[in-house]
PDB file of N, CA and C in Angstrom:
ATOM      1  N   UNK A   1      33.557 -39.411 -27.970  1.00  0.00           N
ATOM      2  CA  UNK A   1      32.199 -38.835 -28.772  1.00  0.00           C
ATOM      3  C   UNK A   1      30.834 -39.907 -27.767  1.00  0.00           C
ATOM      4  N   UNK A   2      31.269 -40.523 -26.381  1.00  0.00           N
ATOM      5  CA  UNK A   2      30.503 -40.884 -25.628  1.00  0.00           C
ATOM      6  C   UNK A   2      29.669 -40.066 -25.105  1.00  0.00           C
ATOM      7  N   UNK A   3      30.807 -38.945 -24.215  1.00  0.00           N
ATOM      8  CA  UNK A   3      29.879 -38.022 -23.622  1.00  0.00           C
ATOM      9  C   UNK A   3      29.167 -37.079 -24.387  1.00  0.00           C
ATOM     10  N   UNK A   4      28.996 -36.835 -25.560  1.00  0.00           N
ATOM     11  CA  UNK A   4      28.611 -35.938 -26.160  1.00  0.00           C
ATOM     12  C   UNK A   4      27.133 -36.402 -26.960  1.00  0.00           C
ATOM     13  N   UNK A   5      27.309 -37.531 -26.984  1.00  0.00           N
ATOM     14  CA  UNK A   5      26.009 -38.420 -26.893  1.00  0.00           C
ATOM     15  C   UNK A   5      24.866 -38.593 -25.978  1.00  0.00           C
ATOM     16  N   UNK A   6      25.998 -38.527 -24.591  1.00  0.00           N
ATOM     17  CA  UNK A   6      25.438 -38.883 -23.477  1.00  0.00           C
ATOM     18  C   UNK A   6      24.432 -37.517 -22.865  1.00  0.00           C
ATOM     19  N   UNK A   7      25.231 -36.209 -23.617  1.00  0.00           N
ATOM     20  CA  UNK A   7      24.848 -34.811 -23.481  1.00  0.00           C
ATOM     21  C   UNK A   7      23.275 -34.827 -24.169  1.00  0.00           C
ATOM     22  N   UNK A   8      23.061 -35.501 -25.333  1.00  0.00           N
ATOM     23  CA  UNK A   8      22.375 -35.010 -26.387  1.00  0.00           C
ATOM     24  C   UNK A   8      21.544 -35.667 -25.596  1.00  0.00           C
ATOM     25  N   UNK A   9      21.672 -36.913 -25.277  1.00  0.00           N
ATOM     26  CA  UNK A   9      20.373 -37.463 -24.898  1.00  0.00           C
ATOM     27  C   UNK A   9      20.076 -36.774 -23.797  1.00  0.00           C
ATOM     28  N   UNK A  10      20.501 -36.328 -22.698  1.00  0.00           N
ATOM     29  CA  UNK A  10      20.302 -35.785 -21.416  1.00  0.00           C
ATOM     30  C   UNK A  10      19.164 -34.095 -21.994  1.00  0.00           C
ATOM     31  N   UNK A  11      20.142 -33.422 -22.979  1.00  0.00           N
ATOM     32  CA  UNK A  11      19.124 -32.419 -23.537  1.00  0.00           C
ATOM     33  C   UNK A  11      17.892 -33.322 -23.960  1.00  0.00           C
ATOM     34  N   UNK A  12      17.481 -33.605 -24.697  1.00  0.00           N
ATOM     35  CA  UNK A  12      16.199 -34.722 -25.469  1.00  0.00           C
ATOM     36  C   UNK A  12      15.288 -34.854 -24.478  1.00  0.00           C
ATOM     37  N   UNK A  13      16.055 -35.398 -23.016  1.00  0.00           N
ATOM     38  CA  UNK A  13      15.122 -35.517 -21.962  1.00  0.00           C
ATOM     39  C   UNK A  13      14.501 -34.382 -21.534  1.00  0.00           C
ATOM     40  N   UNK A  14      15.308 -33.229 -21.265  1.00  0.00           N
ATOM     41  CA  UNK A  14      14.413 -32.317 -20.433  1.00  0.00           C
ATOM     42  C   UNK A  14      13.726 -31.778 -21.456  1.00  0.00           C
ATOM     43  N   UNK A  15      13.763 -31.598 -22.972  1.00  0.00           N
ATOM     44  CA  UNK A  15      13.456 -30.816 -23.800  1.00  0.00           C
ATOM     45  C   UNK A  15      11.476 -31.463 -23.447  1.00  0.00           C
ATOM     46  N   UNK A  16      11.588 -32.925 -23.474  1.00  0.00           N
ATOM     47  CA  UNK A  16      10.235 -33.675 -23.144  1.00  0.00           C
ATOM     48  C   UNK A  16       9.496 -33.191 -21.918  1.00  0.00           C
ATOM     49  N   UNK A  17      10.028 -32.432 -21.013  1.00  0.00           N
ATOM     50  CA  UNK A  17       9.107 -32.394 -19.718  1.00  0.00           C
ATOM     51  C   UNK A  17       7.749 -31.283 -19.679  1.00  0.00           C
ATOM     52  N   UNK A  18       6.878 -31.199 -19.419  1.00  0.00           N
ATOM     53  CA  UNK A  18       5.488 -31.057 -20.098  1.00  0.00           C
ATOM     54  C   UNK A  18       5.505 -29.769 -18.854  1.00  0.00           C
ATOM     55  N   UNK A  19       5.141 -28.742 -18.872  1.00  0.00           N
ATOM     56  CA  UNK A  19       5.088 -27.763 -18.128  1.00  0.00           C
ATOM     57  C   UNK A  19       3.516 -27.304 -17.610  1.00  0.00           C
ATOM     58  N   UNK A  20       3.060 -27.269 -16.840  1.00  0.00           N
ATOM     59  CA  UNK A  20       1.083 -27.094 -16.765  1.00  0.00           C
ATOM     60  C   UNK A  20       0.988 -26.009 -16.699  1.00  0.00           C
ATOM     61  N   UNK A  21      -0.649 -26.002 -17.221  1.00  0.00           N
ATOM     62  CA  UNK A  21      -0.533 -24.467 -17.619  1.00  0.00           C
ATOM     63  C   UNK A  21      -0.862 -23.161 -16.298  1.00  0.00           C
ATOM     64  N   UNK A  22      -0.527 -23.952 -15.387  1.00  0.00           N
ATOM     65  CA  UNK A  22      -0.826 -22.698 -14.407  1.00  0.00           C
ATOM     66  C   UNK A  22       0.814 -22.786 -13.584  1.00  0.00           C
ATOM     67  N   UNK A  23       1.498 -22.975 -14.199  1.00  0.00           N
ATOM     68  CA  UNK A  23       2.795 -22.697 -13.976  1.00  0.00           C
ATOM     69  C   UNK A  23       3.733 -21.504 -13.851  1.00  0.00           C
ATOM     70  N   UNK A  24       3.227 -20.059 -14.491  1.00  0.00           N
ATOM     71  CA  UNK A  24       3.569 -19.345 -14.250  1.00  0.00           C
ATOM     72  C   UNK A  24       2.407 -18.750 -13.275  1.00  0.00           C
ATOM     73  N   UNK A  25       1.454 -18.784 -13.188  1.00  0.00           N
ATOM     74  CA  UNK A  25       0.692 -18.169 -12.422  1.00  0.00           C
ATOM     75  C   UNK A  25       1.011 -18.313 -10.918  1.00  0.00           C
ATOM     76  N   UNK A  26       1.865 -19.817 -10.731  1.00  0.00           N
ATOM     77  CA  UNK A  26       1.791 -20.378  -8.853  1.00  0.00           C
ATOM     78  C   UNK A  26       3.534 -19.653  -9.202  1.00  0.00           C
ATOM     79  N   UNK A  27       4.010 -19.073 -10.083  1.00  0.00           N
ATOM     80  CA  UNK A  27       5.632 -19.055  -9.686  1.00  0.00           C
ATOM     81  C   UNK A  27       4.728 -17.324  -9.704  1.00  0.00           C
ATOM     82  N   UNK A  28       4.591 -16.646 -10.275  1.00  0.00           N
ATOM     83  CA  UNK A  28       4.304 -15.067  -9.738  1.00  0.00           C
ATOM     84  C   UNK A  28       3.804 -15.104  -8.526  1.00  0.00           C
ATOM     85  N   UNK A  29       3.087 -15.755  -8.111  1.00  0.00           N
ATOM     86  CA  UNK A  29       2.209 -16.052  -6.689  1.00  0.00           C
ATOM     87  C   UNK A  29       3.234 -16.054  -5.680  1.00  0.00           C
ATOM     88  N   UNK A  30       4.061 -17.280  -6.072  1.00  0.00           N
ATOM     89  CA  UNK A  30       5.254 -17.575  -4.772  1.00  0.00           C
ATOM     90  C   UNK A  30       6.384 -16.223  -4.615  1.00  0.00           C
ATOM     91  N   UNK A  31       6.747 -15.247  -6.030  1.00  0.00           N
ATOM     92  CA  UNK A  31       7.730 -14.411  -6.414  1.00  0.00           C
ATOM     93  C   UNK A  31       6.713 -13.335  -5.135  1.00  0.00           C
ATOM     94  N   UNK A  32       5.173 -12.956  -5.231  1.00  0.00           N
ATOM     95  CA  UNK A  32       4.326 -11.890  -4.469  1.00  0.00           C
ATOM     96  C   UNK A  32       4.737 -12.649  -3.158  1.00  0.00           C
ATOM     97  N   UNK A  33       4.943 -13.445  -2.629  1.00  0.00           N
ATOM     98  CA  UNK A  33       4.284 -14.170  -1.462  1.00  0.00           C
ATOM     99  C   UNK A  33       6.187 -13.770  -0.777  1.00  0.00           C
ATOM    100  N   UNK A  34       7.228 -14.197  -1.420  1.00  0.00           N
ATOM    101  CA  UNK A  34       8.539 -13.833  -1.287  1.00  0.00           C
ATOM    102  C   UNK A  34       8.715 -11.996  -0.994  1.00  0.00           C
ATOM    103  N   UNK A  35       7.795 -11.295  -1.937  1.00  0.00           N
ATOM    104  CA  UNK A  35       8.645 -10.007  -1.741  1.00  0.00           C
ATOM    105  C   UNK A  35       7.815  -9.352  -0.507  1.00  0.00           C
ATOM    106  N   UNK A  36       6.211 -10.112  -0.321  1.00  0.00           N
ATOM    107  CA  UNK A  36       5.752  -9.534   0.807  1.00  0.00           C
ATOM    108  C   UNK A  36       6.210  -9.789   2.280  1.00  0.00           C
ATOM    109  N   UNK A  37       7.063 -11.468   2.494  1.00  0.00           N
ATOM    110  CA  UNK A  37       7.540 -11.462   3.752  1.00  0.00           C
ATOM    111  C   UNK A  37       8.803 -10.645   3.843  1.00  0.00           C
ATOM    112  N   UNK A  38       9.814 -10.560   2.418  1.00  0.00           N
ATOM    113  CA  UNK A  38      10.883  -9.648   3.003  1.00  0.00           C
ATOM    114  C   UNK A  38      10.461  -8.046   2.962  1.00  0.00           C
ATOM    115  N   UNK A  39       9.151  -7.602   2.659  1.00  0.00           N
ATOM    116  CA  UNK A  39       9.053  -6.334   2.560  1.00  0.00           C
ATOM    117  C   UNK A  39       8.741  -6.118   4.218  1.00  0.00           C
ATOM    118  N   UNK A  40       8.216  -6.813   4.860  1.00  0.00           N
ATOM    119  CA  UNK A  40       7.686  -6.971   6.456  1.00  0.00           C
ATOM    120  C   UNK A  40       8.794  -6.532   7.455  1.00  0.00           C
ATOM    121  N   UNK A  41       9.936  -6.618   6.823  1.00  0.00           N
ATOM    122  CA  UNK A  41      11.259  -6.073   7.847  1.00  0.00           C
ATOM    123  C   UNK A  41      11.288  -7.243   8.827  1.00  0.00           C
ATOM    124  N   UNK A  42      12.299  -6.656   9.712  1.00  0.00           N
ATOM    125  CA  UNK A  42      13.281  -7.414  10.484  1.00  0.00           C
ATOM    126  C   UNK A  42      12.165  -7.875  12.078  1.00  0.00           C
ATOM    127  N   UNK A  43      11.021  -6.709  12.226  1.00  0.00           N
ATOM    128  CA  UNK A  43      10.062  -7.407  13.247  1.00  0.00           C
ATOM    129  C   UNK A  43       8.515  -7.380  12.930  1.00  0.00           C
ATOM    130  N   UNK A  44       8.513  -8.829  13.008  1.00  0.00           N
ATOM    131  CA  UNK A  44       6.872  -9.301  12.956  1.00  0.00           C
ATOM    132  C   UNK A  44       6.252  -8.962  14.005  1.00  0.00           C
ATOM    133  N   UNK A  45       5.174  -8.348  14.453  1.00  0.00           N
ATOM    134  CA  UNK A  45       4.669  -8.049  15.551  1.00  0.00           C
ATOM    135  C   UNK A  45       3.539  -8.951  15.866  1.00  0.00           C
ATOM    136  N   UNK A  46       2.928  -9.872  14.412  1.00  0.00           N
ATOM    137  CA  UNK A  46       1.712 -10.425  14.733  1.00  0.00           C
ATOM    138  C   UNK A  46       2.346 -11.961  14.992  1.00  0.00           C
ATOM    139  N   UNK A  47       3.405 -11.948  14.197  1.00  0.00           N
ATOM    140  CA  UNK A  47       4.204 -13.652  14.578  1.00  0.00           C
ATOM    141  C   UNK A  47       4.702 -13.309  16.125  1.00  0.00           C
ATOM    142  N   UNK A  48       5.063 -11.910  16.333  1.00  0.00           N
ATOM    143  CA  UNK A  48       5.740 -11.887  17.855  1.00  0.00           C
ATOM    144  C   UNK A  48       4.376 -12.359  19.056  1.00  0.00           C
ATOM    145  N   UNK A  49       3.526 -11.917  18.589  1.00  0.00           N
ATOM    146  CA  UNK A  49       2.436 -12.355  19.286  1.00  0.00           C
ATOM    147  C   UNK A  49       1.857 -13.602  19.344  1.00  0.00           C
ATOM    148  N   UNK A  50       1.709 -13.788  18.708  1.00  0.00           N
ATOM    149  CA  UNK A  50       1.541 -15.135  18.217  1.00  0.00           C
ATOM    150  C   UNK A  50       2.521 -16.364  18.742  1.00  0.00           C
ATOM    151  N   UNK A  51       3.315 -15.856  18.861  1.00  0.00           N
ATOM    152  CA  UNK A  51       4.494 -16.476  19.933  1.00  0.00           C
ATOM    153  C   UNK A  51       4.348 -16.501  21.295  1.00  0.00           C
ATOM    154  N   UNK A  52       3.710 -14.939  21.424  1.00  0.00           N
ATOM    155  CA  UNK A  52       3.725 -15.115  23.159  1.00  0.00           C
ATOM    156  C   UNK A  52       2.421 -15.594  23.413  1.00  0.00           C
ATOM    157  N   UNK A  53       1.310 -15.827  22.866  1.00  0.00           N
ATOM    158  CA  UNK A  53       0.411 -16.321  23.352  1.00  0.00           C
ATOM    159  C   UNK A  53       0.239 -17.621  23.430  1.00  0.00           C
ATOM    160  N   UNK A  54       1.590 -18.345  22.982  1.00  0.00           N
ATOM    161  CA  UNK A  54       1.561 -19.636  22.922  1.00  0.00           C
ATOM    162  C   UNK A  54       2.534 -20.407  24.463  1.00  0.00           C
ATOM    163  N   UNK A  55       2.863 -18.750  25.197  1.00  0.00           N
ATOM    164  CA  UNK A  55       3.799 -19.097  26.051  1.00  0.00           C
ATOM    165  C   UNK A  55       3.261 -18.799  27.247  1.00  0.00           C
ATOM    166  N   UNK A  56       2.779 -19.967  28.392  1.00  0.00           N
ATOM    167  CA  UNK A  56       2.162 -19.676  29.439  1.00  0.00           C
ATOM    168  C   UNK A  56       2.775 -18.812  30.743  1.00  0.00           C
ATOM    169  N   UNK A  57       3.987 -18.703  30.346  1.00  0.00           N
ATOM    170  CA  UNK A  57       5.115 -17.815  31.442  1.00  0.00           C
ATOM    171  C   UNK A  57       4.908 -16.540  31.394  1.00  0.00           C
ATOM    172  N   UNK A  58       4.635 -16.289  29.680  1.00  0.00           N
ATOM    173  CA  UNK A  58       4.772 -15.126  28.877  1.00  0.00           C
ATOM    174  C   UNK A  58       3.896 -14.203  29.343  1.00  0.00           C
ATOM    175  N   UNK A  59       2.571 -14.687  29.652  1.00  0.00           N
ATOM    176  CA  UNK A  59       1.209 -14.328  29.210  1.00  0.00           C
ATOM    177  C   UNK A  59       1.302 -14.345  30.841  1.00  0.00           C
ATOM    178  N   UNK A  60       1.712 -14.944  32.259  1.00  0.00           N
ATOM    179  CA  UNK A  60       2.323 -14.345  33.430  1.00  0.00           C
ATOM    180  C   UNK A  60       2.672 -13.051  33.556  1.00  0.00           C
ATOM    181  N   UNK A  61       3.670 -13.518  32.774  1.00  0.00           N
ATOM    182  CA  UNK A  61       4.803 -11.993  33.106  1.00  0.00           C
ATOM    183  C   UNK A  61       4.284 -10.557  32.449  1.00  0.00           C
ATOM    184  N   UNK A  62       2.965 -10.733  31.479  1.00  0.00           N
ATOM    185  CA  UNK A  62       2.660  -9.859  30.875  1.00  0.00           C
ATOM    186  C   UNK A  62       1.666  -9.200  31.806  1.00  0.00           C
ATOM    187  N   UNK A  63       1.056 -10.163  32.317  1.00  0.00           N
ATOM    188  CA  UNK A  63       0.379  -9.843  33.541  1.00  0.00           C
ATOM    189  C   UNK A  63       0.898  -9.240  35.013  1.00  0.00           C
ATOM    190  N   UNK A  64       1.848  -9.766  34.810  1.00  0.00           N
ATOM    191  CA  UNK A  64       2.631  -9.085  36.169  1.00  0.00           C
ATOM    192  C   UNK A  64       3.239  -7.623  36.128  1.00  0.00           C
ATOM    193  N   UNK A  65       3.387  -7.187  34.771  1.00  0.00           N
ATOM    194  CA  UNK A  65       3.986  -6.304  33.939  1.00  0.00           C
ATOM    195  C   UNK A  65       2.847  -4.987  34.157  1.00  0.00           C
ATOM    196  N   UNK A  66       1.644  -5.379  34.092  1.00  0.00           N
ATOM    197  CA  UNK A  66       0.335  -4.612  33.665  1.00  0.00           C
ATOM    198  C   UNK A  66      -0.011  -4.663  34.838  1.00  0.00           C
ATOM    199  N   UNK A  67      -0.190  -5.118  35.746  1.00  0.00           N
ATOM    200  CA  UNK A  67      -0.117  -4.887  37.381  1.00  0.00           C
ATOM    201  C   UNK A  67       0.751  -3.722  37.818  1.00  0.00           C
ATOM    202  N   UNK A  68       1.784  -4.065  37.207  1.00  0.00           N
ATOM    203  CA  UNK A  68       2.580  -3.105  37.899  1.00  0.00           C
ATOM    204  C   UNK A  68       2.896  -1.627  37.096  1.00  0.00           C
ATOM    205  N   UNK A  69       2.665  -1.565  35.931  1.00  0.00           N
ATOM    206  CA  UNK A  69       2.180  -0.626  35.762  1.00  0.00           C
ATOM    207  C   UNK A  69       0.811   0.662  35.781  1.00  0.00           C
ATOM    208  N   UNK A  70      -0.257  -0.647  36.050  1.00  0.00           N
ATOM    209  CA  UNK A  70      -1.106  -0.102  36.611  1.00  0.00           C
ATOM    210  C   UNK A  70      -0.745   0.297  38.344  1.00  0.00           C
ATOM    211  N   UNK A  71      -0.696  -0.503  39.010  1.00  0.00           N
ATOM    212  CA  UNK A  71       0.009   0.183  40.443  1.00  0.00           C
ATOM    213  C   UNK A  71       0.618   1.656  40.648  1.00  0.00           C
ATOM    214  N   UNK A  72       1.678   1.806  39.648  1.00  0.00           N
ATOM    215  CA  UNK A  72       2.764   3.118  39.556  1.00  0.00           C
ATOM    216  C   UNK A  72       1.686   4.075  38.800  1.00  0.00           C
ATOM    217  N   UNK A  73       0.858   3.704  37.891  1.00  0.00           N
ATOM    218  CA  UNK A  73      -0.229   4.773  37.541  1.00  0.00           C
ATOM    219  C   UNK A  73      -1.080   5.102  38.873  1.00  0.00           C
ATOM    220  N   UNK A  74      -1.768   4.220  39.691  1.00  0.00           N
ATOM    221  CA  UNK A  74      -2.178   4.665  40.621  1.00  0.00           C
ATOM    222  C   UNK A  74      -1.704   5.280  41.883  1.00  0.00           C
ATOM    223  N   UNK A  75      -0.730   5.572  42.154  1.00  0.00           N
ATOM    224  CA  UNK A  75       0.357   5.504  43.031  1.00  0.00           C
ATOM    225  C   UNK A  75       0.606   7.364  42.520  1.00  0.00           C
ATOM    226  N   UNK A  76       0.526   7.240  41.528  1.00  0.00           N
ATOM    227  CA  UNK A  76       0.883   8.737  41.084  1.00  0.00           C
ATOM    228  C   UNK A  76      -0.234   9.674  40.601  1.00  0.00           C
ATOM    229  N   UNK A  77      -1.242   8.835  40.921  1.00  0.00           N
ATOM    230  CA  UNK A  77      -2.558  10.009  40.645  1.00  0.00           C
ATOM    231  C   UNK A  77      -2.796   9.985  42.289  1.00  0.00           C
ATOM    232  N   UNK A  78      -2.293   9.266  42.982  1.00  0.00           N
ATOM    233  CA  UNK A  78      -2.825   9.208  44.704  1.00  0.00           C
ATOM    234  C   UNK A  78      -1.843  10.895  45.001  1.00  0.00           C
ATOM    235  N   UNK A  79      -1.057  10.392  44.602  1.00  0.00           N
ATOM    236  CA  UNK A  79       0.438  11.507  45.279  1.00  0.00           C
ATOM    237  C   UNK A  79      -0.069  12.506  44.629  1.00  0.00           C
ATOM    238  N   UNK A  80      -0.567  12.626  43.289  1.00  0.00           N
ATOM    239  CA  UNK A  80      -1.159  14.170  42.599  1.00  0.00           C
ATOM    240  C   UNK A  80      -2.220  14.831  43.429  1.00  0.00           C
ATOM    241  N   UNK A  81      -2.957  14.002  44.288  1.00  0.00           N
ATOM    242  CA  UNK A  81      -4.446  14.372  45.116  1.00  0.00           C
ATOM    243  C   UNK A  81      -4.023  15.076  46.157  1.00  0.00           C
ATOM    244  N   UNK A  82      -2.966  14.032  46.445  1.00  0.00           N
ATOM    245  CA  UNK A  82      -2.715  14.210  47.848  1.00  0.00           C
ATOM    246  C   UNK A  82      -1.682  15.784  47.776  1.00  0.00           C
ATOM    247  N   UNK A  83      -1.359  15.880  47.055  1.00  0.00           N
ATOM    248  CA  UNK A  83      -0.910  17.377  46.951  1.00  0.00           C
ATOM    249  C   UNK A  83      -1.640  18.459  46.659  1.00  0.00           C
ATOM    250  N   UNK A  84      -2.338  18.203  45.820  1.00  0.00           N
ATOM    251  CA  UNK A  84      -3.314  19.116  45.787  1.00  0.00           C
ATOM    252  C   UNK A  84      -2.803  19.785  44.982  1.00  0.00           C
ATOM    253  N   UNK A  85      -2.345  19.388  43.532  1.00  0.00           N
ATOM    254  CA  UNK A  85      -1.431  19.987  42.033  1.00  0.00           C
ATOM    255  C   UNK A  85      -2.727  20.183  41.396  1.00  0.00           C
ATOM    256  N   UNK A  86      -2.495  21.662  41.040  1.00  0.00           N
ATOM    257  CA  UNK A  86      -3.989  21.705  40.093  1.00  0.00           C
ATOM    258  C   UNK A  86      -3.448  21.179  38.739  1.00  0.00           C
ATOM    259  N   UNK A  87      -4.208  20.240  38.219  1.00  0.00           N
ATOM    260  CA  UNK A  87      -3.988  19.705  37.108  1.00  0.00           C
ATOM    261  C   UNK A  87      -4.327  20.497  35.717  1.00  0.00           C
ATOM    262  N   UNK A  88      -5.374  21.387  35.886  1.00  0.00           N
ATOM    263  CA  UNK A  88      -5.741  22.565  34.652  1.00  0.00           C
ATOM    264  C   UNK A  88      -5.055  22.912  34.477  1.00  0.00           C
ATOM    265  N   UNK A  89      -3.382  23.530  35.140  1.00  0.00           N
ATOM    266  CA  UNK A  89      -2.895  24.461  34.832  1.00  0.00           C
ATOM    267  C   UNK A  89      -3.266  25.477  35.997  1.00  0.00           C
TER     268      UNK A  89
END
């Protein structure tokens, strides 16, 4: 009987908990936020760019990659001009 009395006392105590007026709204907001983060997928580009912008070495690596691609483009243009290829067809 002691266990039953303890359970009833616990149940009565739980019944007396007040729930705030905005509880349902807050709960639904959290559910929507969870769904939004779930729908973003595996790769979040904005979060990646924020991570990347905080790393000095990553900024340097991007600059080196951009310079390399620019150099390759410049070489391709020079080769095209020197070979006299008609770009317009």
